[in-house]
N, C-alpha and C. Protein backbone atom coordinates (compact mmCIF):
# COMPACT_ATOMS: atom_id res chain seq x y z
N UNK A 1 -3.10 -7.01 4.58
CA UNK A 1 -4.36 -6.66 3.80
C UNK A 1 -3.91 -7.78 2.61
N UNK A 2 -5.49 -8.23 2.52
CA UNK A 2 -5.01 -8.88 1.62
C UNK A 2 -6.26 -8.56 0.33
N UNK A 3 -5.62 -9.10 -0.99
CA UNK A 3 -6.02 -8.85 -1.93
C UNK A 3 -7.59 -8.72 -2.50
N UNK A 4 -7.99 -9.68 -1.69
CA UNK A 4 -9.65 -9.88 -1.82
C UNK A 4 -10.27 -8.91 -0.85
N UNK A 5 -9.67 -8.17 0.13
CA UNK A 5 -10.12 -7.22 0.77
C UNK A 5 -10.48 -5.75 0.01
N UNK A 6 -9.08 -5.90 -1.04
CA UNK A 6 -8.78 -4.45 -1.47
C UNK A 6 -9.85 -4.60 -2.81
N UNK A 7 -10.30 -5.51 -3.42
CA UNK A 7 -11.11 -5.84 -4.36
C UNK A 7 -12.55 -5.24 -3.87
N UNK A 8 -12.48 -5.48 -2.82
CA UNK A 8 -14.18 -4.85 -2.34
C UNK A 8 -14.29 -3.38 -2.24
N UNK A 9 -13.11 -2.85 -2.28
CA UNK A 9 -13.15 -1.39 -2.15
C UNK A 9 -13.14 -0.44 -3.36
N UNK A 10 -13.86 0.77 -3.08
CA UNK A 10 -13.90 1.41 -4.57
C UNK A 10 -12.47 2.30 -4.54
N UNK A 11 -12.47 2.57 -5.92
CA UNK A 11 -11.33 3.25 -6.31
C UNK A 11 -10.92 4.42 -5.45
N UNK A 12 -11.94 5.20 -4.85
CA UNK A 12 -11.36 6.31 -4.35
C UNK A 12 -10.95 5.75 -2.72
N UNK A 13 -11.47 4.73 -2.18
CA UNK A 13 -11.09 3.92 -0.87
C UNK A 13 -9.57 3.73 -1.11
N UNK A 14 -9.60 2.91 -2.36
CA UNK A 14 -8.07 2.56 -2.71
C UNK A 14 -7.13 3.89 -2.73
N UNK A 15 -7.57 4.75 -3.22
CA UNK A 15 -6.32 5.68 -3.74
C UNK A 15 -6.24 6.48 -1.92
N UNK A 16 -6.90 6.29 -0.94
CA UNK A 16 -6.89 6.89 0.20
C UNK A 16 -6.14 5.68 0.75
N UNK A 17 -6.46 4.68 0.89
CA UNK A 17 -5.31 3.18 1.37
C UNK A 17 -4.00 3.51 1.02
N UNK A 18 -4.07 3.94 -0.37
CA UNK A 18 -2.33 4.05 -1.02
C UNK A 18 -1.59 4.90 -0.59
N UNK A 19 -2.42 6.34 -0.23
CA UNK A 19 -1.65 7.47 0.46
C UNK A 19 -1.28 7.07 2.17
N UNK A 20 -2.23 6.71 2.44
CA UNK A 20 -2.03 6.11 4.11
C UNK A 20 -0.60 4.97 4.05
N UNK A 21 -0.66 4.38 2.92
CA UNK A 21 0.52 3.36 3.26
C UNK A 21 1.95 4.11 2.84
N UNK A 22 1.72 5.13 1.71
CA UNK A 22 3.05 5.75 1.11
C UNK A 22 3.57 6.54 2.75
N UNK A 23 2.43 7.03 3.24
CA UNK A 23 3.00 8.16 4.54
C UNK A 23 3.41 7.23 5.69
N UNK A 24 2.81 5.94 5.50
CA UNK A 24 3.49 4.91 6.42
C UNK A 24 4.98 4.60 5.98
N UNK A 25 5.52 4.43 4.73
CA UNK A 25 6.63 4.35 4.32
C UNK A 25 7.45 5.18 4.51
N UNK A 26 6.96 6.37 4.21
CA UNK A 26 8.12 7.54 4.71
C UNK A 26 8.36 7.51 5.96
N UNK A 27 7.15 7.34 7.04
CA UNK A 27 7.82 7.45 8.42
C UNK A 27 9.11 6.30 8.81
N UNK A 28 8.51 5.36 8.42
CA UNK A 28 9.55 4.11 8.47
C UNK A 28 10.88 4.31 7.88
N UNK A 29 10.90 4.58 6.54
CA UNK A 29 11.99 4.99 6.17
C UNK A 29 12.66 6.25 6.97
N UNK A 30 11.98 7.08 7.81
CA UNK A 30 12.82 8.22 8.10
C UNK A 30 13.36 7.52 9.77
N UNK A 31 12.50 6.43 10.34
CA UNK A 31 13.05 5.68 11.73
C UNK A 31 14.27 4.97 10.95
N UNK A 32 14.14 4.50 9.82
CA UNK A 32 15.38 3.32 9.89
C UNK A 32 16.88 4.35 9.64
N UNK A 33 16.47 5.44 9.15
CA UNK A 33 17.64 6.55 8.72
C UNK A 33 18.17 7.15 9.83
N UNK A 34 17.53 7.24 11.12
CA UNK A 34 17.82 7.61 12.61
C UNK A 34 18.28 6.60 13.15
N UNK A 35 18.33 5.45 12.54
CA UNK A 35 18.24 3.87 13.40
C UNK A 35 17.58 3.91 14.53
N UNK A 36 16.42 4.04 14.42
CA UNK A 36 15.37 3.93 15.41
C UNK A 36 14.15 2.49 14.88
N UNK A 37 14.47 2.17 13.85
CA UNK A 37 13.23 1.30 13.32
C UNK A 37 13.39 0.06 14.16
N UNK A 38 12.35 -0.22 14.91
CA UNK A 38 12.70 -1.44 15.79
C UNK A 38 12.24 -2.89 14.67
N UNK A 39 11.44 -3.02 13.98
CA UNK A 39 10.86 -3.99 13.01
C UNK A 39 11.39 -4.12 11.53
N UNK A 40 12.54 -4.13 11.11
CA UNK A 40 12.63 -4.07 9.62
C UNK A 40 11.61 -4.49 9.06
N UNK A 41 11.25 -5.73 9.29
CA UNK A 41 10.21 -6.31 8.50
C UNK A 41 9.06 -5.86 8.08
N UNK A 42 8.89 -4.57 8.88
CA UNK A 42 7.68 -3.48 8.50
C UNK A 42 7.74 -2.91 7.24
N UNK A 43 8.97 -2.63 6.99
CA UNK A 43 9.39 -2.13 5.57
C UNK A 43 9.05 -2.77 4.30
N UNK A 44 9.11 -3.96 4.64
CA UNK A 44 8.80 -5.24 3.86
C UNK A 44 7.11 -5.16 3.41
N UNK A 45 6.34 -5.15 4.26
CA UNK A 45 5.03 -5.40 4.50
C UNK A 45 4.29 -4.49 3.98
N UNK A 46 4.57 -3.00 4.07
CA UNK A 46 4.27 -1.88 3.56
C UNK A 46 4.52 -1.77 2.07
N UNK A 47 5.49 -2.21 1.75
CA UNK A 47 6.08 -2.05 0.46
C UNK A 47 5.52 -3.14 -0.50
N UNK A 48 4.95 -4.53 -0.11
CA UNK A 48 4.25 -5.08 -0.51
C UNK A 48 2.78 -5.07 -0.68
N UNK A 49 2.33 -4.35 0.42
CA UNK A 49 0.91 -3.81 0.59
C UNK A 49 0.54 -2.81 -0.60
N UNK A 50 1.60 -2.06 -0.75
CA UNK A 50 1.32 -0.73 -1.63
C UNK A 50 1.42 -1.58 -3.28
N UNK A 51 2.04 -2.68 -3.52
CA UNK A 51 2.05 -3.31 -4.58
C UNK A 51 1.15 -3.62 -4.71
N UNK A 52 0.16 -4.30 -3.65
CA UNK A 52 -1.02 -5.10 -3.76
C UNK A 52 -2.36 -4.03 -4.02
N UNK A 53 -2.06 -2.93 -3.71
CA UNK A 53 -3.04 -1.83 -3.92
C UNK A 53 -3.08 -1.25 -5.16
N UNK A 54 -2.23 -1.24 -5.83
CA UNK A 54 -1.71 -0.74 -7.20
C UNK A 54 -2.15 -1.88 -7.89
N UNK A 55 -1.90 -3.12 -7.57
CA UNK A 55 -2.61 -4.05 -8.94
C UNK A 55 -3.55 -4.29 -8.83
N UNK A 56 -4.24 -4.09 -7.70
CA UNK A 56 -5.79 -3.92 -7.43
C UNK A 56 -6.64 -2.71 -8.23
N UNK A 57 -5.93 -1.73 -8.25
CA UNK A 57 -6.32 -0.70 -8.73
C UNK A 57 -5.88 -0.79 -10.54
N UNK A 58 -5.42 -1.00 -11.00
CA UNK A 58 -4.72 -1.60 -12.40
C UNK A 58 -5.73 -2.27 -12.77
N UNK A 59 -6.23 -3.39 -12.14
CA UNK A 59 -7.14 -4.24 -12.50
C UNK A 59 -8.37 -4.04 -12.63
N UNK A 60 -8.79 -3.06 -11.82
CA UNK A 60 -10.23 -2.25 -11.96
C UNK A 60 -10.11 -1.65 -13.12
N UNK A 61 -8.84 -0.87 -13.28
CA UNK A 61 -9.08 -0.04 -14.55
C UNK A 61 -9.05 -0.53 -15.86
N UNK A 62 -8.54 -1.61 -15.63
CA UNK A 62 -8.65 -2.47 -16.94
C UNK A 62 -9.87 -3.09 -17.00
N UNK A 63 -10.56 -3.28 -16.13
CA UNK A 63 -11.90 -4.05 -15.94
C UNK A 63 -12.79 -2.79 -16.55
N UNK A 64 -12.81 -1.79 -16.24
CA UNK A 64 -13.60 -0.39 -16.62
C UNK A 64 -13.33 -0.05 -18.05
N UNK A 65 -12.11 -0.30 -18.66
CA UNK A 65 -12.07 -0.37 -19.89
C UNK A 65 -12.59 -1.33 -21.18
N UNK A 66 -12.61 -2.48 -20.31
CA UNK A 66 -13.33 -3.26 -21.76
C UNK A 66 -14.58 -3.66 -21.46
């Protein structure tokens, strides 16, 4: 997921995307805890995607304020 894709979404869509990513992060964390996580790189990908969504959300919020 790239930042340009995220900038085309509305704030409600971004919130839904963030919620889905957090659920995915939780399930990956549970898999890691039980030793069943096949690809540890997925944790990093999800964490970075969450950061991208939060960044775009804050940019949109700052743009609305100005």
